[in-house]
């Protein structure tokens, strides 16, 4: 059991919120991140960046 457990890889933890603009997605995440003491990371919102594939 321990040998198998050592070979497992922990997945990155995170999620993507999807929805129309102005529904409070960023506001909710910002407040949640502040509350639990983590850094929020988001894609840049400059013109043209929303169509660029995330890598």
PDB file of N, CA and C in Angstrom:
ATOM      1  N   UNK A   1       0.840  -1.202   0.000  1.00  0.00           N
ATOM      2  CA  UNK A   1       0.000   0.000   0.000  1.00  0.00           C
ATOM      3  C   UNK A   1       0.882   1.262   0.000  1.00  0.00           C
ATOM      4  N   UNK A   2       1.911   1.298   0.837  1.00  0.00           N
ATOM      5  CA  UNK A   2       2.774   2.478   0.907  1.00  0.00           C
ATOM      6  C   UNK A   2       3.532   2.699  -0.402  1.00  0.00           C
ATOM      7  N   UNK A   3       3.968   1.611  -1.051  1.00  0.00           N
ATOM      8  CA  UNK A   3       4.693   1.740  -2.317  1.00  0.00           C
ATOM      9  C   UNK A   3       3.799   2.352  -3.391  1.00  0.00           C
ATOM     10  N   UNK A   4       2.552   1.956  -3.420  1.00  0.00           N
ATOM     11  CA  UNK A   4       1.601   2.509  -4.384  1.00  0.00           C
ATOM     12  C   UNK A   4       1.333   3.970  -4.061  1.00  0.00           C
ATOM     13  N   UNK A   5       1.169   4.287  -2.786  1.00  0.00           N
ATOM     14  CA  UNK A   5       0.864   5.655  -2.366  1.00  0.00           C
ATOM     15  C   UNK A   5       1.996   6.616  -2.732  1.00  0.00           C
ATOM     16  N   UNK A   6       3.239   6.170  -2.663  1.00  0.00           N
ATOM     17  CA  UNK A   6       4.385   7.019  -2.988  1.00  0.00           C
ATOM     18  C   UNK A   6       4.417   7.402  -4.466  1.00  0.00           C
ATOM     19  N   UNK A   7       3.865   6.558  -5.331  1.00  0.00           N
ATOM     20  CA  UNK A   7       3.890   6.810  -6.772  1.00  0.00           C
ATOM     21  C   UNK A   7       2.757   7.718  -7.241  1.00  0.00           C
ATOM     22  N   UNK A   8       1.787   7.963  -6.399  1.00  0.00           N
ATOM     23  CA  UNK A   8       0.667   8.814  -6.783  1.00  0.00           C
ATOM     24  C   UNK A   8       1.106  10.271  -6.845  1.00  0.00           C
ATOM     25  N   UNK A   9       0.578  10.998  -7.790  1.00  0.00           N
ATOM     26  CA  UNK A   9       0.890  12.413  -7.958  1.00  0.00           C
ATOM     27  C   UNK A   9      -0.323  13.224  -7.534  1.00  0.00           C
ATOM     28  N   UNK A  10      -0.093  14.209  -6.686  1.00  0.00           N
ATOM     29  CA  UNK A  10      -1.193  15.070  -6.262  1.00  0.00           C
ATOM     30  C   UNK A  10      -1.551  16.028  -7.391  1.00  0.00           C
ATOM     31  N   UNK A  11      -2.820  16.106  -7.747  1.00  0.00           N
ATOM     32  CA  UNK A  11      -3.221  17.046  -8.799  1.00  0.00           C
ATOM     33  C   UNK A  11      -3.165  18.484  -8.296  1.00  0.00           C
ATOM     34  N   UNK A  12      -3.000  19.418  -9.227  1.00  0.00           N
ATOM     35  CA  UNK A  12      -3.074  20.826  -8.855  1.00  0.00           C
ATOM     36  C   UNK A  12      -4.486  21.122  -8.387  1.00  0.00           C
ATOM     37  N   UNK A  13      -4.595  21.930  -7.385  1.00  0.00           N
ATOM     38  CA  UNK A  13      -5.924  22.260  -6.878  1.00  0.00           C
ATOM     39  C   UNK A  13      -6.331  23.624  -7.397  1.00  0.00           C
ATOM     40  N   UNK A  14      -7.492  23.684  -7.943  1.00  0.00           N
ATOM     41  CA  UNK A  14      -7.998  24.926  -8.490  1.00  0.00           C
ATOM     42  C   UNK A  14      -9.238  24.648  -9.305  1.00  0.00           C
ATOM     43  N   UNK A  15      -9.867  25.693  -9.735  1.00  0.00           N
ATOM     44  CA  UNK A  15     -11.039  25.528 -10.578  1.00  0.00           C
ATOM     45  C   UNK A  15     -11.252  26.780 -11.397  1.00  0.00           C
ATOM     46  N   UNK A  16     -12.060  26.652 -12.408  1.00  0.00           N
ATOM     47  CA  UNK A  16     -12.382  27.766 -13.290  1.00  0.00           C
ATOM     48  C   UNK A  16     -13.852  28.091 -13.116  1.00  0.00           C
ATOM     49  N   UNK A  17     -14.139  29.356 -12.900  1.00  0.00           N
ATOM     50  CA  UNK A  17     -15.536  29.791 -12.811  1.00  0.00           C
ATOM     51  C   UNK A  17     -15.941  30.326 -14.178  1.00  0.00           C
ATOM     52  N   UNK A  18     -17.137  29.976 -14.606  1.00  0.00           N
ATOM     53  CA  UNK A  18     -17.625  30.372 -15.924  1.00  0.00           C
ATOM     54  C   UNK A  18     -19.004  30.992 -15.780  1.00  0.00           C
ATOM     55  N   UNK A  19     -19.234  32.055 -16.493  1.00  0.00           N
ATOM     56  CA  UNK A  19     -20.545  32.684 -16.475  1.00  0.00           C
ATOM     57  C   UNK A  19     -20.494  34.036 -17.143  1.00  0.00           C
ATOM     58  N   UNK A  20     -21.652  34.645 -17.303  1.00  0.00           N
ATOM     59  CA  UNK A  20     -21.695  35.945 -17.963  1.00  0.00           C
ATOM     60  C   UNK A  20     -21.005  37.021 -17.126  1.00  0.00           C
ATOM     61  N   UNK A  21     -20.525  38.084 -17.778  1.00  0.00           N
ATOM     62  CA  UNK A  21     -19.871  39.158 -17.039  1.00  0.00           C
ATOM     63  C   UNK A  21     -20.836  39.863 -16.093  1.00  0.00           C
ATOM     64  N   UNK A  22     -20.282  40.327 -14.988  1.00  0.00           N
ATOM     65  CA  UNK A  22     -21.082  41.112 -14.049  1.00  0.00           C
ATOM     66  C   UNK A  22     -21.867  40.309 -13.040  1.00  0.00           C
ATOM     67  N   UNK A  23     -21.575  39.010 -12.912  1.00  0.00           N
ATOM     68  CA  UNK A  23     -22.331  38.186 -11.965  1.00  0.00           C
ATOM     69  C   UNK A  23     -21.618  38.005 -10.629  1.00  0.00           C
ATOM     70  N   UNK A  24     -20.407  38.573 -10.478  1.00  0.00           N
ATOM     71  CA  UNK A  24     -19.718  38.549  -9.190  1.00  0.00           C
ATOM     72  C   UNK A  24     -18.731  37.414  -8.998  1.00  0.00           C
ATOM     73  N   UNK A  25     -18.312  36.760 -10.068  1.00  0.00           N
ATOM     74  CA  UNK A  25     -17.375  35.641  -9.939  1.00  0.00           C
ATOM     75  C   UNK A  25     -16.054  36.093  -9.310  1.00  0.00           C
ATOM     76  N   UNK A  26     -15.484  37.153  -9.841  1.00  0.00           N
ATOM     77  CA  UNK A  26     -14.199  37.638  -9.323  1.00  0.00           C
ATOM     78  C   UNK A  26     -14.334  38.161  -7.902  1.00  0.00           C
ATOM     79  N   UNK A  27     -15.422  38.815  -7.609  1.00  0.00           N
ATOM     80  CA  UNK A  27     -15.654  39.351  -6.262  1.00  0.00           C
ATOM     81  C   UNK A  27     -15.731  38.226  -5.229  1.00  0.00           C
ATOM     82  N   UNK A  28     -16.464  37.172  -5.553  1.00  0.00           N
ATOM     83  CA  UNK A  28     -16.584  36.025  -4.646  1.00  0.00           C
ATOM     84  C   UNK A  28     -15.218  35.394  -4.414  1.00  0.00           C
ATOM     85  N   UNK A  29     -14.458  35.179  -5.506  1.00  0.00           N
ATOM     86  CA  UNK A  29     -13.158  34.537  -5.367  1.00  0.00           C
ATOM     87  C   UNK A  29     -12.167  35.410  -4.607  1.00  0.00           C
ATOM     88  N   UNK A  30     -12.201  36.707  -4.829  1.00  0.00           N
ATOM     89  CA  UNK A  30     -11.313  37.621  -4.126  1.00  0.00           C
ATOM     90  C   UNK A  30     -11.574  37.589  -2.624  1.00  0.00           C
ATOM     91  N   UNK A  31     -12.827  37.642  -2.254  1.00  0.00           N
ATOM     92  CA  UNK A  31     -13.179  37.612  -0.828  1.00  0.00           C
ATOM     93  C   UNK A  31     -12.839  36.263  -0.201  1.00  0.00           C
ATOM     94  N   UNK A  32     -13.087  35.175  -0.926  1.00  0.00           N
ATOM     95  CA  UNK A  32     -12.764  33.847  -0.417  1.00  0.00           C
ATOM     96  C   UNK A  32     -11.255  33.684  -0.234  1.00  0.00           C
ATOM     97  N   UNK A  33     -10.478  34.131  -1.220  1.00  0.00           N
ATOM     98  CA  UNK A  33      -9.021  34.031  -1.132  1.00  0.00           C
ATOM     99  C   UNK A  33      -8.491  34.822   0.059  1.00  0.00           C
ATOM    100  N   UNK A  34      -9.020  36.017   0.266  1.00  0.00           N
ATOM    101  CA  UNK A  34      -8.613  36.830   1.412  1.00  0.00           C
ATOM    102  C   UNK A  34      -8.976  36.134   2.716  1.00  0.00           C
ATOM    103  N   UNK A  35     -10.155  35.569   2.775  1.00  0.00           N
ATOM    104  CA  UNK A  35     -10.648  34.913   3.995  1.00  0.00           C
ATOM    105  C   UNK A  35      -9.776  33.723   4.395  1.00  0.00           C
ATOM    106  N   UNK A  36      -9.367  32.909   3.414  1.00  0.00           N
ATOM    107  CA  UNK A  36      -8.592  31.717   3.759  1.00  0.00           C
ATOM    108  C   UNK A  36      -7.083  31.921   3.610  1.00  0.00           C
ATOM    109  N   UNK A  37      -6.676  33.134   3.209  1.00  0.00           N
ATOM    110  CA  UNK A  37      -5.254  33.475   3.187  1.00  0.00           C
ATOM    111  C   UNK A  37      -4.464  32.889   2.034  1.00  0.00           C
ATOM    112  N   UNK A  38      -5.075  32.818   0.857  1.00  0.00           N
ATOM    113  CA  UNK A  38      -4.342  32.340  -0.312  1.00  0.00           C
ATOM    114  C   UNK A  38      -4.329  33.421  -1.387  1.00  0.00           C
ATOM    115  N   UNK A  39      -3.471  33.241  -2.375  1.00  0.00           N
ATOM    116  CA  UNK A  39      -3.361  34.210  -3.462  1.00  0.00           C
ATOM    117  C   UNK A  39      -4.276  33.794  -4.605  1.00  0.00           C
ATOM    118  N   UNK A  40      -5.028  34.740  -5.124  1.00  0.00           N
ATOM    119  CA  UNK A  40      -5.897  34.483  -6.261  1.00  0.00           C
ATOM    120  C   UNK A  40      -5.131  34.784  -7.541  1.00  0.00           C
ATOM    121  N   UNK A  41      -5.200  33.882  -8.506  1.00  0.00           N
ATOM    122  CA  UNK A  41      -4.528  34.056  -9.784  1.00  0.00           C
ATOM    123  C   UNK A  41      -5.581  34.024 -10.879  1.00  0.00           C
ATOM    124  N   UNK A  42      -5.516  34.994 -11.783  1.00  0.00           N
ATOM    125  CA  UNK A  42      -6.475  35.042 -12.885  1.00  0.00           C
ATOM    126  C   UNK A  42      -5.786  35.448 -14.162  1.00  0.00           C
ATOM    127  N   UNK A  43      -6.394  35.150 -15.299  1.00  0.00           N
ATOM    128  CA  UNK A  43      -5.784  35.542 -16.572  1.00  0.00           C
ATOM    129  C   UNK A  43      -5.863  37.044 -16.773  1.00  0.00           C
ATOM    130  N   UNK A  44      -4.919  37.621 -17.522  1.00  0.00           N
ATOM    131  CA  UNK A  44      -4.988  39.059 -17.806  1.00  0.00           C
ATOM    132  C   UNK A  44      -6.219  39.377 -18.648  1.00  0.00           C
ATOM    133  N   UNK A  45      -6.815  40.519 -18.403  1.00  0.00           N
ATOM    134  CA  UNK A  45      -8.038  40.880 -19.104  1.00  0.00           C
ATOM    135  C   UNK A  45      -7.814  41.941 -20.175  1.00  0.00           C
ATOM    136  N   UNK A  46      -6.578  42.079 -20.641  1.00  0.00           N
ATOM    137  CA  UNK A  46      -6.281  43.046 -21.702  1.00  0.00           C
ATOM    138  C   UNK A  46      -6.958  42.608 -22.998  1.00  0.00           C
ATOM    139  N   UNK A  47      -7.175  43.551 -23.881  1.00  0.00           N
ATOM    140  CA  UNK A  47      -7.832  43.249 -25.160  1.00  0.00           C
ATOM    141  C   UNK A  47      -7.086  42.147 -25.899  1.00  0.00           C
ATOM    142  N   UNK A  48      -7.802  41.160 -26.339  1.00  0.00           N
ATOM    143  CA  UNK A  48      -7.205  40.059 -27.083  1.00  0.00           C
ATOM    144  C   UNK A  48      -6.747  38.906 -26.227  1.00  0.00           C
ATOM    145  N   UNK A  49      -6.590  39.100 -24.941  1.00  0.00           N
ATOM    146  CA  UNK A  49      -6.103  38.041 -24.071  1.00  0.00           C
ATOM    147  C   UNK A  49      -7.152  36.959 -23.837  1.00  0.00           C
ATOM    148  N   UNK A  50      -8.423  37.298 -23.925  1.00  0.00           N
ATOM    149  CA  UNK A  50      -9.459  36.308 -23.646  1.00  0.00           C
ATOM    150  C   UNK A  50      -9.540  35.247 -24.732  1.00  0.00           C
ATOM    151  N   UNK A  51      -9.041  35.535 -25.925  1.00  0.00           N
ATOM    152  CA  UNK A  51      -9.062  34.557 -27.009  1.00  0.00           C
ATOM    153  C   UNK A  51      -7.778  33.747 -27.096  1.00  0.00           C
ATOM    154  N   UNK A  52      -6.795  34.097 -26.292  1.00  0.00           N
ATOM    155  CA  UNK A  52      -5.520  33.388 -26.305  1.00  0.00           C
ATOM    156  C   UNK A  52      -5.656  32.101 -25.501  1.00  0.00           C
ATOM    157  N   UNK A  53      -5.183  30.964 -26.012  1.00  0.00           N
ATOM    158  CA  UNK A  53      -5.318  29.711 -25.267  1.00  0.00           C
ATOM    159  C   UNK A  53      -4.504  29.750 -23.975  1.00  0.00           C
ATOM    160  N   UNK A  54      -5.074  29.177 -22.931  1.00  0.00           N
ATOM    161  CA  UNK A  54      -4.358  29.074 -21.659  1.00  0.00           C
ATOM    162  C   UNK A  54      -3.409  27.895 -21.734  1.00  0.00           C
ATOM    163  N   UNK A  55      -2.191  28.086 -21.269  1.00  0.00           N
ATOM    164  CA  UNK A  55      -1.190  27.023 -21.321  1.00  0.00           C
ATOM    165  C   UNK A  55      -0.809  26.654 -19.918  1.00  0.00           C
TER     166      UNK A  55
END
